[in-house]
Amino acid sequence: MDIGDLLAEGGVALRGGASSKRQVLHMIAETAAQCLGLDEARVLDSLMEREALGSTGLGSGVAAPHARIEGLDAVRGVFLRLDTPVAFDAMDDRPVDLIFALFAPPKAGAEHLRALAAVSRALRAPEMREKLRHARTVDALRALFVRDEAATAA
């Protein structure tokens, strides 16, 4: 699965920081609403419902929030990098600065799981996290996801 293909057009953002996990989820909802044509409040509610089940903070400064949303025809994603990490109730209690959020149609069972696995695998690599933290532009961030998938396929 090509993570670069999951990223929606306009779905990569550099942000300064946030004061809370809820504010980060709001940033994600705002970005997803703009680039996927979804209702921002509905996206935020769906993300909050999922987080209520357990944190999607994976550790090492990474989170992978996800939700099922009516109106999508495929799994799509947005990526945010925060300049200042925020507490996210991650497994290792470290604050989060790299957030790859996934949104799936309600019936996308296996496809949604494959996408989550691909994102988790990519962001588990310390060298990938380091490159993401040092990329200067949105285009450079997007290229890292496309390049990572190309290298994995080789």
N, C-alpha and C. Protein backbone atom coordinates (compact mmCIF):
# COMPACT_ATOMS: atom_id res chain seq x y z
N MET A 1 0.85 -1.18 0.00
CA MET A 1 0.00 0.00 0.00
C MET A 1 0.89 1.24 0.00
N ASP A 2 0.63 2.17 -0.89
CA ASP A 2 1.42 3.39 -1.03
C ASP A 2 0.85 4.47 -0.12
N ILE A 3 1.57 4.79 0.93
CA ILE A 3 1.11 5.81 1.88
C ILE A 3 0.96 7.15 1.19
N GLY A 4 1.84 7.44 0.25
CA GLY A 4 1.73 8.69 -0.50
C GLY A 4 0.40 8.80 -1.22
N ASP A 5 -0.13 7.68 -1.70
CA ASP A 5 -1.43 7.70 -2.37
C ASP A 5 -2.58 7.91 -1.40
N LEU A 6 -2.38 7.55 -0.13
CA LEU A 6 -3.42 7.77 0.88
C LEU A 6 -3.58 9.24 1.20
N LEU A 7 -2.48 9.99 1.11
CA LEU A 7 -2.52 11.40 1.48
C LEU A 7 -3.38 12.19 0.50
N ALA A 8 -4.35 12.87 1.05
CA ALA A 8 -5.23 13.71 0.23
C ALA A 8 -4.45 14.90 -0.31
N GLU A 9 -4.85 15.39 -1.46
CA GLU A 9 -4.27 16.61 -2.01
C GLU A 9 -4.51 17.72 -1.00
N GLY A 10 -3.46 18.41 -0.59
CA GLY A 10 -3.60 19.43 0.44
C GLY A 10 -3.68 18.86 1.85
N GLY A 11 -3.40 17.57 1.98
CA GLY A 11 -3.55 16.90 3.27
C GLY A 11 -2.28 16.78 4.08
N VAL A 12 -1.29 17.60 3.80
CA VAL A 12 -0.06 17.63 4.60
C VAL A 12 0.08 19.06 5.12
N ALA A 13 0.30 19.18 6.43
CA ALA A 13 0.37 20.51 7.02
C ALA A 13 1.47 20.59 8.08
N LEU A 14 2.10 21.74 8.13
CA LEU A 14 3.05 22.08 9.18
C LEU A 14 2.34 23.04 10.13
N ARG A 15 2.32 22.72 11.39
CA ARG A 15 1.63 23.57 12.37
C ARG A 15 2.57 23.90 13.51
N GLY A 16 2.34 25.04 14.14
CA GLY A 16 3.19 25.46 15.25
C GLY A 16 3.08 24.56 16.45
N GLY A 17 1.92 24.41 16.95
CA GLY A 17 1.71 23.60 18.14
C GLY A 17 0.26 23.66 18.56
N ALA A 18 -0.02 22.98 19.64
CA ALA A 18 -1.38 22.93 20.15
C ALA A 18 -1.31 22.88 21.67
N SER A 19 -2.39 23.30 22.31
CA SER A 19 -2.40 23.31 23.77
C SER A 19 -2.95 22.01 24.34
N SER A 20 -3.58 21.17 23.48
CA SER A 20 -4.18 19.94 23.98
C SER A 20 -4.38 18.94 22.86
N LYS A 21 -4.64 17.71 23.26
CA LYS A 21 -4.96 16.66 22.30
C LYS A 21 -6.20 17.04 21.50
N ARG A 22 -7.20 17.58 22.18
CA ARG A 22 -8.44 17.99 21.49
C ARG A 22 -8.13 19.02 20.41
N GLN A 23 -7.24 19.96 20.70
CA GLN A 23 -6.90 20.98 19.71
C GLN A 23 -6.20 20.34 18.50
N VAL A 24 -5.35 19.34 18.75
CA VAL A 24 -4.71 18.63 17.65
C VAL A 24 -5.77 17.94 16.79
N LEU A 25 -6.71 17.27 17.45
CA LEU A 25 -7.78 16.59 16.70
C LEU A 25 -8.61 17.59 15.91
N HIS A 26 -8.78 18.80 16.47
CA HIS A 26 -9.50 19.85 15.74
C HIS A 26 -8.71 20.27 14.50
N MET A 27 -7.39 20.40 14.63
CA MET A 27 -6.54 20.73 13.48
C MET A 27 -6.65 19.66 12.39
N ILE A 28 -6.65 18.41 12.82
CA ILE A 28 -6.80 17.31 11.87
C ILE A 28 -8.14 17.39 11.17
N ALA A 29 -9.20 17.61 11.96
CA ALA A 29 -10.55 17.69 11.39
C ALA A 29 -10.65 18.85 10.39
N GLU A 30 -10.04 19.97 10.74
CA GLU A 30 -10.06 21.14 9.86
C GLU A 30 -9.35 20.82 8.53
N THR A 31 -8.17 20.22 8.63
CA THR A 31 -7.41 19.87 7.43
C THR A 31 -8.17 18.85 6.59
N ALA A 32 -8.71 17.82 7.23
CA ALA A 32 -9.45 16.79 6.51
C ALA A 32 -10.70 17.36 5.85
N ALA A 33 -11.40 18.24 6.56
CA ALA A 33 -12.62 18.83 6.00
C ALA A 33 -12.30 19.63 4.74
N GLN A 34 -11.21 20.39 4.79
CA GLN A 34 -10.84 21.23 3.65
C GLN A 34 -10.43 20.40 2.44
N CYS A 35 -9.62 19.36 2.65
CA CYS A 35 -9.07 18.65 1.49
C CYS A 35 -9.94 17.46 1.05
N LEU A 36 -10.82 16.98 1.92
CA LEU A 36 -11.66 15.84 1.55
C LEU A 36 -13.12 16.23 1.34
N GLY A 37 -13.45 17.50 1.58
CA GLY A 37 -14.81 17.96 1.38
C GLY A 37 -15.79 17.38 2.39
N LEU A 38 -15.33 17.21 3.62
CA LEU A 38 -16.18 16.64 4.67
C LEU A 38 -16.60 17.72 5.66
N ASP A 39 -17.60 17.41 6.46
CA ASP A 39 -18.06 18.32 7.49
C ASP A 39 -17.07 18.26 8.67
N GLU A 40 -16.49 19.40 9.00
CA GLU A 40 -15.46 19.46 10.04
C GLU A 40 -15.96 18.96 11.39
N ALA A 41 -17.15 19.35 11.78
CA ALA A 41 -17.70 18.93 13.08
C ALA A 41 -17.90 17.42 13.12
N ARG A 42 -18.36 16.86 12.01
CA ARG A 42 -18.57 15.41 11.97
C ARG A 42 -17.23 14.66 12.06
N VAL A 43 -16.21 15.18 11.38
CA VAL A 43 -14.89 14.56 11.44
C VAL A 43 -14.35 14.63 12.86
N LEU A 44 -14.46 15.79 13.50
CA LEU A 44 -13.97 15.94 14.87
C LEU A 44 -14.71 15.00 15.81
N ASP A 45 -16.03 14.93 15.68
CA ASP A 45 -16.81 14.02 16.53
C ASP A 45 -16.36 12.57 16.35
N SER A 46 -16.12 12.17 15.11
CA SER A 46 -15.70 10.79 14.83
C SER A 46 -14.32 10.51 15.43
N LEU A 47 -13.42 11.47 15.32
CA LEU A 47 -12.08 11.31 15.91
C LEU A 47 -12.16 11.23 17.43
N MET A 48 -13.00 12.08 18.03
CA MET A 48 -13.15 12.08 19.48
C MET A 48 -13.76 10.76 19.97
N GLU A 49 -14.74 10.25 19.23
CA GLU A 49 -15.35 8.96 19.60
C GLU A 49 -14.30 7.86 19.59
N ARG A 50 -13.45 7.85 18.57
CA ARG A 50 -12.42 6.83 18.48
C ARG A 50 -11.40 6.97 19.61
N GLU A 51 -11.00 8.19 19.91
CA GLU A 51 -10.03 8.42 20.99
C GLU A 51 -10.60 8.02 22.34
N ALA A 52 -11.91 8.12 22.51
CA ALA A 52 -12.55 7.72 23.77
C ALA A 52 -12.38 6.22 24.02
N LEU A 53 -12.18 5.44 22.97
CA LEU A 53 -11.96 4.00 23.09
C LEU A 53 -10.55 3.67 23.54
N GLY A 54 -9.63 4.59 23.34
CA GLY A 54 -8.22 4.40 23.68
C GLY A 54 -7.38 5.30 22.81
N SER A 55 -6.29 5.78 23.36
CA SER A 55 -5.44 6.71 22.62
C SER A 55 -4.84 6.05 21.39
N THR A 56 -4.73 6.84 20.33
CA THR A 56 -4.07 6.38 19.11
C THR A 56 -2.62 6.86 19.07
N GLY A 57 -2.11 7.33 20.21
CA GLY A 57 -0.70 7.69 20.33
C GLY A 57 0.14 6.42 20.34
N LEU A 58 0.97 6.24 19.32
CA LEU A 58 1.73 4.99 19.15
C LEU A 58 3.03 4.96 19.92
N GLY A 59 3.52 6.11 20.34
CA GLY A 59 4.81 6.19 21.00
C GLY A 59 5.83 6.84 20.08
N SER A 60 6.97 7.22 20.64
CA SER A 60 8.06 7.87 19.90
C SER A 60 7.62 9.17 19.23
N GLY A 61 6.62 9.85 19.81
CA GLY A 61 6.17 11.12 19.26
C GLY A 61 5.21 11.00 18.09
N VAL A 62 4.63 9.80 17.90
CA VAL A 62 3.78 9.54 16.75
C VAL A 62 2.35 9.19 17.20
N ALA A 63 1.38 9.68 16.44
CA ALA A 63 -0.02 9.29 16.66
C ALA A 63 -0.65 8.97 15.31
N ALA A 64 -1.60 8.04 15.32
CA ALA A 64 -2.32 7.66 14.11
C ALA A 64 -3.82 7.63 14.39
N PRO A 65 -4.41 8.80 14.63
CA PRO A 65 -5.86 8.83 14.84
C PRO A 65 -6.58 8.37 13.58
N HIS A 66 -7.72 7.75 13.76
CA HIS A 66 -8.46 7.27 12.61
C HIS A 66 -9.95 7.21 12.94
N ALA A 67 -10.74 7.27 11.87
CA ALA A 67 -12.19 7.25 12.03
C ALA A 67 -12.85 6.78 10.74
N ARG A 68 -14.03 6.25 10.89
CA ARG A 68 -14.86 5.90 9.74
C ARG A 68 -15.82 7.05 9.50
N ILE A 69 -15.90 7.47 8.25
CA ILE A 69 -16.68 8.66 7.91
C ILE A 69 -17.56 8.38 6.69
N GLU A 70 -18.84 8.65 6.80
CA GLU A 70 -19.74 8.58 5.65
C GLU A 70 -19.30 9.62 4.62
N GLY A 71 -19.46 9.27 3.36
CA GLY A 71 -19.15 10.22 2.29
C GLY A 71 -17.82 9.98 1.62
N LEU A 72 -17.01 9.06 2.15
CA LEU A 72 -15.75 8.72 1.51
C LEU A 72 -15.93 7.46 0.67
N ASP A 73 -15.17 7.35 -0.41
CA ASP A 73 -15.25 6.14 -1.24
C ASP A 73 -13.98 5.30 -1.13
N ALA A 74 -12.99 5.81 -0.39
CA ALA A 74 -11.72 5.08 -0.18
C ALA A 74 -11.06 5.61 1.08
N VAL A 75 -10.07 4.88 1.57
CA VAL A 75 -9.31 5.34 2.73
C VAL A 75 -8.43 6.51 2.29
N ARG A 76 -8.48 7.57 3.06
CA ARG A 76 -7.71 8.78 2.77
C ARG A 76 -7.01 9.21 4.06
N GLY A 77 -5.95 9.99 3.93
CA GLY A 77 -5.23 10.42 5.10
C GLY A 77 -4.75 11.86 5.03
N VAL A 78 -4.45 12.38 6.20
CA VAL A 78 -3.81 13.69 6.31
C VAL A 78 -2.65 13.55 7.30
N PHE A 79 -1.63 14.35 7.11
CA PHE A 79 -0.46 14.31 7.97
C PHE A 79 -0.19 15.71 8.51
N LEU A 80 0.02 15.80 9.81
CA LEU A 80 0.38 17.05 10.45
C LEU A 80 1.68 16.87 11.21
N ARG A 81 2.55 17.85 11.09
CA ARG A 81 3.75 17.88 11.93
C ARG A 81 3.68 19.14 12.77
N LEU A 82 3.79 18.95 14.07
CA LEU A 82 3.75 20.07 15.00
C LEU A 82 5.16 20.51 15.35
N ASP A 83 5.38 21.80 15.42
CA ASP A 83 6.69 22.31 15.86
C ASP A 83 6.91 22.01 17.34
N THR A 84 5.82 22.08 18.11
CA THR A 84 5.89 21.83 19.55
C THR A 84 5.02 20.62 19.87
N PRO A 85 5.61 19.53 20.35
CA PRO A 85 4.84 18.33 20.66
C PRO A 85 3.78 18.60 21.75
N VAL A 86 2.72 17.80 21.70
CA VAL A 86 1.62 17.95 22.65
C VAL A 86 1.31 16.60 23.30
N ALA A 87 0.91 16.63 24.57
CA ALA A 87 0.53 15.41 25.27
C ALA A 87 -0.64 14.75 24.53
N PHE A 88 -0.54 13.43 24.33
CA PHE A 88 -1.54 12.73 23.52
C PHE A 88 -1.94 11.39 24.16
N ASP A 89 -1.57 11.18 25.41
CA ASP A 89 -1.85 9.92 26.10
C ASP A 89 -1.25 8.73 25.34
N ALA A 90 -0.06 8.93 24.80
CA ALA A 90 0.60 7.87 24.02
C ALA A 90 1.04 6.74 24.94
N MET A 91 1.29 5.59 24.35
CA MET A 91 1.68 4.39 25.09
C MET A 91 2.94 4.63 25.94
N ASP A 92 3.87 5.44 25.43
CA ASP A 92 5.11 5.69 26.15
C ASP A 92 5.09 7.02 26.92
N ASP A 93 3.93 7.67 26.95
CA ASP A 93 3.73 8.95 27.65
C ASP A 93 4.52 10.11 27.04
N ARG A 94 5.15 9.90 25.88
CA ARG A 94 5.86 11.00 25.22
C ARG A 94 4.87 11.86 24.46
N PRO A 95 5.11 13.17 24.40
CA PRO A 95 4.24 14.04 23.60
C PRO A 95 4.41 13.73 22.11
N VAL A 96 3.41 14.12 21.35
CA VAL A 96 3.32 13.78 19.93
C VAL A 96 3.57 15.00 19.06
N ASP A 97 4.34 14.81 18.00
CA ASP A 97 4.53 15.88 17.02
C ASP A 97 4.30 15.41 15.58
N LEU A 98 4.20 14.10 15.36
CA LEU A 98 3.95 13.54 14.03
C LEU A 98 2.60 12.83 14.07
N ILE A 99 1.64 13.33 13.29
CA ILE A 99 0.29 12.78 13.33
C ILE A 99 -0.15 12.43 11.92
N PHE A 100 -0.39 11.15 11.69
CA PHE A 100 -0.91 10.68 10.40
C PHE A 100 -2.32 10.15 10.67
N ALA A 101 -3.32 10.90 10.25
CA ALA A 101 -4.71 10.53 10.50
C ALA A 101 -5.31 9.86 9.27
N LEU A 102 -6.06 8.80 9.53
CA LEU A 102 -6.71 8.06 8.44
C LEU A 102 -8.22 8.14 8.58
N PHE A 103 -8.88 8.22 7.44
CA PHE A 103 -10.34 8.26 7.38
C PHE A 103 -10.80 7.22 6.37
N ALA A 104 -11.76 6.40 6.78
CA ALA A 104 -12.20 5.32 5.92
C ALA A 104 -13.72 5.33 5.80
N PRO A 105 -14.22 4.82 4.66
CA PRO A 105 -15.66 4.64 4.55
C PRO A 105 -16.11 3.62 5.60
N PRO A 106 -17.34 3.68 6.03
CA PRO A 106 -17.82 2.76 7.08
C PRO A 106 -17.60 1.29 6.77
N LYS A 107 -17.62 0.89 5.52
CA LYS A 107 -17.51 -0.53 5.17
C LYS A 107 -16.10 -0.96 4.75
N ALA A 108 -15.11 -0.10 4.91
CA ALA A 108 -13.73 -0.41 4.48
C ALA A 108 -12.98 -1.14 5.57
N GLY A 109 -13.32 -2.38 5.83
CA GLY A 109 -12.69 -3.15 6.89
C GLY A 109 -11.23 -3.45 6.65
N ALA A 110 -10.94 -4.36 5.73
CA ALA A 110 -9.56 -4.80 5.49
C ALA A 110 -8.70 -3.67 4.94
N GLU A 111 -9.24 -2.85 4.07
CA GLU A 111 -8.49 -1.74 3.49
C GLU A 111 -8.05 -0.77 4.58
N HIS A 112 -8.93 -0.48 5.52
CA HIS A 112 -8.63 0.42 6.63
C HIS A 112 -7.50 -0.17 7.49
N LEU A 113 -7.58 -1.47 7.78
CA LEU A 113 -6.55 -2.12 8.59
C LEU A 113 -5.20 -2.15 7.87
N ARG A 114 -5.21 -2.40 6.57
CA ARG A 114 -3.95 -2.38 5.81
C ARG A 114 -3.32 -0.99 5.83
N ALA A 115 -4.16 0.04 5.71
CA ALA A 115 -3.65 1.41 5.74
C ALA A 115 -3.06 1.74 7.11
N LEU A 116 -3.73 1.35 8.18
CA LEU A 116 -3.19 1.58 9.52
C LEU A 116 -1.86 0.86 9.71
N ALA A 117 -1.78 -0.36 9.23
CA ALA A 117 -0.54 -1.13 9.34
C ALA A 117 0.59 -0.46 8.55
N ALA A 118 0.30 0.03 7.36
CA ALA A 118 1.32 0.68 6.54
C ALA A 118 1.82 1.96 7.19
N VAL A 119 0.91 2.75 7.74
CA VAL A 119 1.30 3.99 8.41
C VAL A 119 2.14 3.67 9.65
N SER A 120 1.70 2.71 10.43
CA SER A 120 2.43 2.31 11.63
C SER A 120 3.83 1.82 11.29
N ARG A 121 3.94 1.00 10.26
CA ARG A 121 5.22 0.45 9.83
C ARG A 121 6.17 1.58 9.40
N ALA A 122 5.66 2.53 8.62
CA ALA A 122 6.50 3.62 8.14
C ALA A 122 6.98 4.51 9.29
N LEU A 123 6.08 4.80 10.23
CA LEU A 123 6.43 5.73 11.30
C LEU A 123 7.15 5.06 12.47
N ARG A 124 7.25 3.76 12.43
CA ARG A 124 8.01 3.02 13.45
C ARG A 124 9.52 3.17 13.21
N ALA A 125 9.92 3.45 11.98
CA ALA A 125 11.34 3.55 11.63
C ALA A 125 11.93 4.86 12.16
N PRO A 126 12.93 4.78 13.04
CA PRO A 126 13.52 6.00 13.61
C PRO A 126 14.05 6.96 12.54
N GLU A 127 14.65 6.43 11.48
CA GLU A 127 15.19 7.32 10.45
C GLU A 127 14.09 8.06 9.70
N MET A 128 12.93 7.43 9.52
CA MET A 128 11.80 8.10 8.88
C MET A 128 11.28 9.22 9.77
N ARG A 129 11.14 8.94 11.06
CA ARG A 129 10.67 9.98 11.98
C ARG A 129 11.63 11.17 11.98
N GLU A 130 12.91 10.88 11.97
CA GLU A 130 13.91 11.96 11.97
C GLU A 130 13.80 12.81 10.70
N LYS A 131 13.65 12.16 9.56
CA LYS A 131 13.50 12.90 8.29
C LYS A 131 12.24 13.75 8.31
N LEU A 132 11.14 13.20 8.83
CA LEU A 132 9.88 13.95 8.90
C LEU A 132 10.03 15.17 9.80
N ARG A 133 10.78 15.02 10.86
CA ARG A 133 10.95 16.13 11.81
C ARG A 133 11.84 17.24 11.25
N HIS A 134 12.67 16.91 10.27
CA HIS A 134 13.59 17.91 9.72
C HIS A 134 13.19 18.43 8.34
N ALA A 135 12.16 17.87 7.74
CA ALA A 135 11.71 18.37 6.44
C ALA A 135 11.22 19.81 6.60
N ARG A 136 11.56 20.64 5.64
CA ARG A 136 11.25 22.07 5.76
C ARG A 136 9.93 22.47 5.12
N THR A 137 9.45 21.69 4.16
CA THR A 137 8.24 22.09 3.43
C THR A 137 7.22 20.96 3.37
N VAL A 138 6.01 21.34 3.03
CA VAL A 138 4.93 20.36 2.83
C VAL A 138 5.31 19.39 1.71
N ASP A 139 5.87 19.90 0.64
CA ASP A 139 6.27 19.03 -0.48
C ASP A 139 7.35 18.04 -0.06
N ALA A 140 8.29 18.49 0.77
CA ALA A 140 9.34 17.59 1.25
C ALA A 140 8.75 16.50 2.14
N LEU A 141 7.77 16.84 2.96
CA LEU A 141 7.11 15.84 3.79
C LEU A 141 6.40 14.80 2.93
N ARG A 142 5.62 15.27 1.96
CA ARG A 142 4.89 14.35 1.07
C ARG A 142 5.87 13.43 0.35
N ALA A 143 6.97 13.99 -0.13
CA ALA A 143 7.96 13.20 -0.86
C ALA A 143 8.54 12.09 0.01
N LEU A 144 8.69 12.33 1.29
CA LEU A 144 9.23 11.31 2.18
C LEU A 144 8.31 10.09 2.24
N PHE A 145 7.02 10.32 2.25
CA PHE A 145 6.08 9.19 2.28
C PHE A 145 6.10 8.43 0.96
N VAL A 146 6.18 9.13 -0.14
CA VAL A 146 6.23 8.48 -1.45
C VAL A 146 7.55 7.73 -1.59
N ARG A 147 8.65 8.35 -1.21
CA ARG A 147 9.98 7.74 -1.29
C ARG A 147 10.07 6.52 -0.40
N ASP A 148 9.50 6.60 0.83
CA ASP A 148 9.56 5.46 1.75
C ASP A 148 8.86 4.26 1.14
N GLU A 149 7.74 4.46 0.53
CA GLU A 149 7.01 3.35 -0.08
C GLU A 149 7.78 2.78 -1.27
N ALA A 150 8.42 3.66 -2.05
CA ALA A 150 9.18 3.18 -3.20
C ALA A 150 10.36 2.34 -2.74
N ALA A 151 11.01 2.77 -1.66
CA ALA A 151 12.16 2.01 -1.14
C ALA A 151 11.71 0.69 -0.55
N THR A 152 10.55 0.66 0.10
CA THR A 152 10.04 -0.56 0.70
C THR A 152 9.67 -1.59 -0.37
N ALA A 153 9.18 -1.11 -1.52
CA ALA A 153 8.75 -1.99 -2.60
C ALA A 153 9.94 -2.59 -3.34
N ALA A 154 11.07 -1.93 -3.30
CA ALA A 154 12.25 -2.39 -4.05
C ALA A 154 12.88 -3.62 -3.45
